[in-house]
PDB file of N, CA and C in Angstrom:
ATOM      1  N   MET A   1       0.833  -1.180   0.000  1.00  0.00           N
ATOM      2  CA  MET A   1       0.000   0.000   0.000  1.00  0.00           C
ATOM      3  C   MET A   1       0.880   1.247   0.000  1.00  0.00           C
ATOM      4  N   ARG A   2       1.941   1.237   0.795  1.00  0.00           N
ATOM      5  CA  ARG A   2       2.834   2.400   0.837  1.00  0.00           C
ATOM      6  C   ARG A   2       3.472   2.660  -0.521  1.00  0.00           C
ATOM      7  N   ALA A   3       3.876   1.583  -1.193  1.00  0.00           N
ATOM      8  CA  ALA A   3       4.495   1.737  -2.514  1.00  0.00           C
ATOM      9  C   ALA A   3       3.511   2.349  -3.503  1.00  0.00           C
ATOM     10  N   GLU A   4       2.268   1.948  -3.422  1.00  0.00           N
ATOM     11  CA  GLU A   4       1.243   2.497  -4.316  1.00  0.00           C
ATOM     12  C   GLU A   4       1.035   3.987  -4.041  1.00  0.00           C
ATOM     13  N   VAL A   5       0.967   4.379  -2.777  1.00  0.00           N
ATOM     14  CA  VAL A   5       0.818   5.794  -2.418  1.00  0.00           C
ATOM     15  C   VAL A   5       2.023   6.586  -2.916  1.00  0.00           C
ATOM     16  N   ARG A   6       3.220   6.058  -2.730  1.00  0.00           N
ATOM     17  CA  ARG A   6       4.436   6.730  -3.192  1.00  0.00           C
ATOM     18  C   ARG A   6       4.395   6.914  -4.712  1.00  0.00           C
ATOM     19  N   ASP A   7       3.999   5.879  -5.438  1.00  0.00           N
ATOM     20  CA  ASP A   7       3.909   5.971  -6.895  1.00  0.00           C
ATOM     21  C   ASP A   7       2.907   7.038  -7.327  1.00  0.00           C
ATOM     22  N   LEU A   8       1.777   7.109  -6.626  1.00  0.00           N
ATOM     23  CA  LEU A   8       0.764   8.103  -6.970  1.00  0.00           C
ATOM     24  C   LEU A   8       1.263   9.527  -6.710  1.00  0.00           C
ATOM     25  N   LYS A   9       2.069   9.708  -5.668  1.00  0.00           N
ATOM     26  CA  LYS A   9       2.594  11.031  -5.346  1.00  0.00           C
ATOM     27  C   LYS A   9       3.712  11.456  -6.280  1.00  0.00           C
ATOM     28  N   GLN A  10       4.520  10.502  -6.759  1.00  0.00           N
ATOM     29  CA  GLN A  10       5.731  10.849  -7.494  1.00  0.00           C
ATOM     30  C   GLN A  10       5.542  11.001  -9.001  1.00  0.00           C
ATOM     31  N   GLY A  11       4.597  10.358  -9.579  1.00  0.00           N
ATOM     32  CA  GLY A  11       4.510  10.441 -11.035  1.00  0.00           C
ATOM     33  C   GLY A  11       3.111  10.195 -11.552  1.00  0.00           C
ATOM     34  N   ASN A  12       2.989  10.356 -12.852  1.00  0.00           N
ATOM     35  CA  ASN A  12       1.681  10.187 -13.486  1.00  0.00           C
ATOM     36  C   ASN A  12       1.432   8.769 -13.987  1.00  0.00           C
ATOM     37  N   ALA A  13       2.454   7.938 -14.018  1.00  0.00           N
ATOM     38  CA  ALA A  13       2.291   6.588 -14.565  1.00  0.00           C
ATOM     39  C   ALA A  13       1.265   5.782 -13.777  1.00  0.00           C
ATOM     40  N   ALA A  14       1.324   5.853 -12.465  1.00  0.00           N
ATOM     41  CA  ALA A  14       0.371   5.095 -11.648  1.00  0.00           C
ATOM     42  C   ALA A  14      -1.041   5.648 -11.806  1.00  0.00           C
ATOM     43  N   ILE A  15      -1.149   6.963 -11.896  1.00  0.00           N
ATOM     44  CA  ILE A  15      -2.472   7.586 -12.081  1.00  0.00           C
ATOM     45  C   ILE A  15      -3.040   7.180 -13.438  1.00  0.00           C
ATOM     46  N   GLU A  16      -2.199   7.217 -14.457  1.00  0.00           N
ATOM     47  CA  GLU A  16      -2.648   6.834 -15.801  1.00  0.00           C
ATOM     48  C   GLU A  16      -3.076   5.369 -15.833  1.00  0.00           C
ATOM     49  N   GLU A  17      -2.314   4.507 -15.189  1.00  0.00           N
ATOM     50  CA  GLU A  17      -2.647   3.081 -15.172  1.00  0.00           C
ATOM     51  C   GLU A  17      -3.988   2.839 -14.472  1.00  0.00           C
ATOM     52  N   ARG A  18      -4.226   3.540 -13.384  1.00  0.00           N
ATOM     53  CA  ARG A  18      -5.516   3.389 -12.681  1.00  0.00           C
ATOM     54  C   ARG A  18      -6.658   3.931 -13.526  1.00  0.00           C
ATOM     55  N   ALA A  19      -6.442   5.059 -14.186  1.00  0.00           N
ATOM     56  CA  ALA A  19      -7.488   5.629 -15.041  1.00  0.00           C
ATOM     57  C   ALA A  19      -7.845   4.665 -16.168  1.00  0.00           C
ATOM     58  N   ARG A  20      -6.841   4.008 -16.709  1.00  0.00           N
ATOM     59  CA  ARG A  20      -7.085   3.055 -17.788  1.00  0.00           C
ATOM     60  C   ARG A  20      -7.814   1.813 -17.279  1.00  0.00           C
ATOM     61  N   SER A  21      -7.319   1.220 -16.202  1.00  0.00           N
ATOM     62  CA  SER A  21      -7.877  -0.055 -15.742  1.00  0.00           C
ATOM     63  C   SER A  21      -9.211   0.096 -15.025  1.00  0.00           C
ATOM     64  N   GLU A  22      -9.351   1.133 -14.200  1.00  0.00           N
ATOM     65  CA  GLU A  22     -10.562   1.263 -13.390  1.00  0.00           C
ATOM     66  C   GLU A  22     -11.647   2.116 -14.047  1.00  0.00           C
ATOM     67  N   LEU A  23     -11.253   3.065 -14.880  1.00  0.00           N
ATOM     68  CA  LEU A  23     -12.231   3.967 -15.482  1.00  0.00           C
ATOM     69  C   LEU A  23     -12.396   3.761 -16.981  1.00  0.00           C
ATOM     70  N   GLY A  24     -11.541   2.900 -17.565  1.00  0.00           N
ATOM     71  CA  GLY A  24     -11.642   2.632 -18.993  1.00  0.00           C
ATOM     72  C   GLY A  24     -11.234   3.804 -19.865  1.00  0.00           C
ATOM     73  N   MET A  25     -10.398   4.687 -19.349  1.00  0.00           N
ATOM     74  CA  MET A  25      -9.988   5.864 -20.110  1.00  0.00           C
ATOM     75  C   MET A  25      -8.904   5.494 -21.124  1.00  0.00           C
ATOM     76  N   ILE A  26      -8.881   6.246 -22.222  1.00  0.00           N
ATOM     77  CA  ILE A  26      -7.850   6.075 -23.240  1.00  0.00           C
ATOM     78  C   ILE A  26      -7.245   7.436 -23.540  1.00  0.00           C
ATOM     79  N   LYS A  27      -6.044   7.415 -24.127  1.00  0.00           N
ATOM     80  CA  LYS A  27      -5.368   8.657 -24.492  1.00  0.00           C
ATOM     81  C   LYS A  27      -5.961   9.214 -25.782  1.00  0.00           C
ATOM     82  N   GLU A  28      -5.762  10.510 -25.974  1.00  0.00           N
ATOM     83  CA  GLU A  28      -6.168  11.155 -27.211  1.00  0.00           C
ATOM     84  C   GLU A  28      -5.433  10.480 -28.366  1.00  0.00           C
ATOM     85  N   ASP A  29      -6.103  10.285 -29.474  1.00  0.00           N
ATOM     86  CA  ASP A  29      -5.570   9.664 -30.686  1.00  0.00           C
ATOM     87  C   ASP A  29      -5.316   8.166 -30.539  1.00  0.00           C
ATOM     88  N   GLU A  30      -5.765   7.535 -29.462  1.00  0.00           N
ATOM     89  CA  GLU A  30      -5.689   6.075 -29.355  1.00  0.00           C
ATOM     90  C   GLU A  30      -6.970   5.483 -29.924  1.00  0.00           C
ATOM     91  N   VAL A  31      -6.886   4.245 -30.319  1.00  0.00           N
ATOM     92  CA  VAL A  31      -8.051   3.513 -30.806  1.00  0.00           C
ATOM     93  C   VAL A  31      -8.324   2.391 -29.820  1.00  0.00           C
ATOM     94  N   PHE A  32      -9.562   2.291 -29.360  1.00  0.00           N
ATOM     95  CA  PHE A  32      -9.955   1.268 -28.404  1.00  0.00           C
ATOM     96  C   PHE A  32     -10.695   0.159 -29.148  1.00  0.00           C
ATOM     97  N   TYR A  33     -10.272  -1.068 -28.910  1.00  0.00           N
ATOM     98  CA  TYR A  33     -10.939  -2.239 -29.483  1.00  0.00           C
ATOM     99  C   TYR A  33     -11.474  -3.082 -28.336  1.00  0.00           C
ATOM    100  N   GLN A  34     -12.719  -3.490 -28.452  1.00  0.00           N
ATOM    101  CA  GLN A  34     -13.299  -4.374 -27.453  1.00  0.00           C
ATOM    102  C   GLN A  34     -13.652  -5.687 -28.140  1.00  0.00           C
ATOM    103  N   VAL A  35     -13.106  -6.766 -27.635  1.00  0.00           N
ATOM    104  CA  VAL A  35     -13.349  -8.093 -28.199  1.00  0.00           C
ATOM    105  C   VAL A  35     -14.365  -8.786 -27.295  1.00  0.00           C
ATOM    106  N   ILE A  36     -15.445  -9.219 -27.897  1.00  0.00           N
ATOM    107  CA  ILE A  36     -16.511  -9.878 -27.144  1.00  0.00           C
ATOM    108  C   ILE A  36     -16.540 -11.346 -27.537  1.00  0.00           C
ATOM    109  N   ASP A  37     -16.466 -12.217 -26.550  1.00  0.00           N
ATOM    110  CA  ASP A  37     -16.510 -13.655 -26.776  1.00  0.00           C
ATOM    111  C   ASP A  37     -17.952 -14.047 -27.099  1.00  0.00           C
ATOM    112  N   GLN A  38     -18.181 -14.568 -28.288  1.00  0.00           N
ATOM    113  CA  GLN A  38     -19.541 -14.928 -28.689  1.00  0.00           C
ATOM    114  C   GLN A  38     -20.102 -16.070 -27.869  1.00  0.00           C
ATOM    115  N   ALA A  39     -19.257 -16.883 -27.257  1.00  0.00           N
ATOM    116  CA  ALA A  39     -19.757 -17.960 -26.405  1.00  0.00           C
ATOM    117  C   ALA A  39     -20.456 -17.372 -25.178  1.00  0.00           C
ATOM    118  N   LEU A  40     -19.994 -16.223 -24.721  1.00  0.00           N
ATOM    119  CA  LEU A  40     -20.619 -15.579 -23.564  1.00  0.00           C
ATOM    120  C   LEU A  40     -21.812 -14.723 -23.953  1.00  0.00           C
ATOM    121  N   PHE A  41     -21.763 -14.156 -25.165  1.00  0.00           N
ATOM    122  CA  PHE A  41     -22.821 -13.266 -25.629  1.00  0.00           C
ATOM    123  C   PHE A  41     -23.246 -13.685 -27.035  1.00  0.00           C
ATOM    124  N   PRO A  42     -24.040 -14.742 -27.166  1.00  0.00           N
ATOM    125  CA  PRO A  42     -24.428 -15.194 -28.495  1.00  0.00           C
ATOM    126  C   PRO A  42     -25.261 -14.135 -29.210  1.00  0.00           C
ATOM    127  N   LEU A  43     -25.170 -14.128 -30.526  1.00  0.00           N
ATOM    128  CA  LEU A  43     -25.942 -13.175 -31.314  1.00  0.00           C
ATOM    129  C   LEU A  43     -27.426 -13.489 -31.180  1.00  0.00           C
ATOM    130  N   PRO A  44     -28.276 -12.469 -31.196  1.00  0.00           N
ATOM    131  CA  PRO A  44     -29.719 -12.723 -31.097  1.00  0.00           C
ATOM    132  C   PRO A  44     -30.215 -13.465 -32.333  1.00  0.00           C
ATOM    133  N   LEU A  45     -31.250 -14.236 -32.156  1.00  0.00           N
ATOM    134  CA  LEU A  45     -31.833 -14.986 -33.263  1.00  0.00           C
ATOM    135  C   LEU A  45     -32.558 -14.041 -34.201  1.00  0.00           C
ATOM    136  N   SER A  46     -32.505 -14.353 -35.477  1.00  0.00           N
ATOM    137  CA  SER A  46     -33.279 -13.580 -36.446  1.00  0.00           C
ATOM    138  C   SER A  46     -34.735 -14.038 -36.346  1.00  0.00           C
ATOM    139  N   PRO A  47     -35.671 -13.227 -36.812  1.00  0.00           N
ATOM    140  CA  PRO A  47     -37.093 -13.653 -36.761  1.00  0.00           C
ATOM    141  C   PRO A  47     -37.319 -14.975 -37.477  1.00  0.00           C
ATOM    142  N   GLN A  48     -36.549 -15.224 -38.541  1.00  0.00           N
ATOM    143  CA  GLN A  48     -36.668 -16.480 -39.284  1.00  0.00           C
ATOM    144  C   GLN A  48     -36.275 -17.668 -38.409  1.00  0.00           C
ATOM    145  N   ASP A  49     -35.164 -17.535 -37.656  1.00  0.00           N
ATOM    146  CA  ASP A  49     -34.702 -18.615 -36.794  1.00  0.00           C
ATOM    147  C   ASP A  49     -35.666 -18.893 -35.659  1.00  0.00           C
ATOM    148  N   SER A  50     -36.289 -17.869 -35.123  1.00  0.00           N
ATOM    149  CA  SER A  50     -37.185 -18.070 -33.987  1.00  0.00           C
ATOM    150  C   SER A  50     -38.483 -18.735 -34.388  1.00  0.00           C
ATOM    151  N   ALA A  51     -38.824 -18.712 -35.691  1.00  0.00           N
ATOM    152  CA  ALA A  51     -40.043 -19.357 -36.164  1.00  0.00           C
ATOM    153  C   ALA A  51     -39.872 -20.864 -36.313  1.00  0.00           C
ATOM    154  N   LYS A  52     -38.619 -21.332 -36.358  1.00  0.00           N
ATOM    155  CA  LYS A  52     -38.369 -22.768 -36.509  1.00  0.00           C
ATOM    156  C   LYS A  52     -38.699 -23.491 -35.208  1.00  0.00           C
ATOM    157  N   PRO A  53     -39.307 -24.657 -35.289  1.00  0.00           N
ATOM    158  CA  PRO A  53     -39.580 -25.414 -34.070  1.00  0.00           C
ATOM    159  C   PRO A  53     -38.269 -25.924 -33.452  1.00  0.00           C
ATOM    160  N   SER A  54     -38.173 -25.883 -32.162  1.00  0.00           N
ATOM    161  CA  SER A  54     -36.953 -26.370 -31.509  1.00  0.00           C
ATOM    162  C   SER A  54     -36.954 -27.889 -31.482  1.00  0.00           C
ATOM    163  N   GLU A  55     -35.755 -28.435 -31.583  1.00  0.00           N
ATOM    164  CA  GLU A  55     -35.631 -29.902 -31.625  1.00  0.00           C
ATOM    165  C   GLU A  55     -35.348 -30.446 -30.271  1.00  0.00           C
TER     166      GLU A  55
END
């Protein structure tokens, strides 16, 4: 804990790292990519698929 407090007092690297990890912030001119695992979030069924009887 002391090392973390010291890092926060001495420089911006620790502050930047916390802003990125905890607040999801990015730097100006950066590009953010979010990869979503389809196994966790399957695509919704189309109306055509939902009309098919389930097996």
